[in-house]
């Protein structure tokens, strides 16, 4: 028997990411765990409407989604706890501008550089629907076939509502390897 616990958002854990956007000539960064896949070439980044970075994203129509590893957590936690309206966070991470001019964190093992194609508003949130322009991956996080090796990448996960960071675990099997004839 299952217990009804109400209307609870229970799709966690999700990857921890740092979103980057240019604020005039400087990058701004914020911690985000409300991200999603909405197709093979579209992603969604959902931010509280009050975030300073939202204005930067709407102005440039560009952002980066930087996956986080454990070594990055002190800086990641900082950019998630301080508003870009009150603090200059541009020097927190060494960065380069990607080919589409979004700031990409040098130490992030994987970065997707994106263009905003739409904004979906819900009460208190702005969700940026983005196309993926470029994906940059640290070479040590690629397998022999040139595909992302998430065992090497070791992305950090976020679990809500307890606000905990988690390590990724071990592989338990290949997709569709557990299927049985019905």
Foldseek 3Di string as FASTA:
>chain_A
DDDDPDDDDAPDWAFWWWKWFDDVPFIAIAIFRPKADDDPFKIKGKDFPPAPCVVRCVVLQKMKTFFDAPVCVVLRVVSHPDGVVVDPSRPSADWDQDPSGTTDGPPGQKMFIWGFPDWDDDVRMIMTMTGTDDMDGDPQQADPVRHGNCVRNFTWIADPDVGDIDTDDDDPDDPPPPDDDD
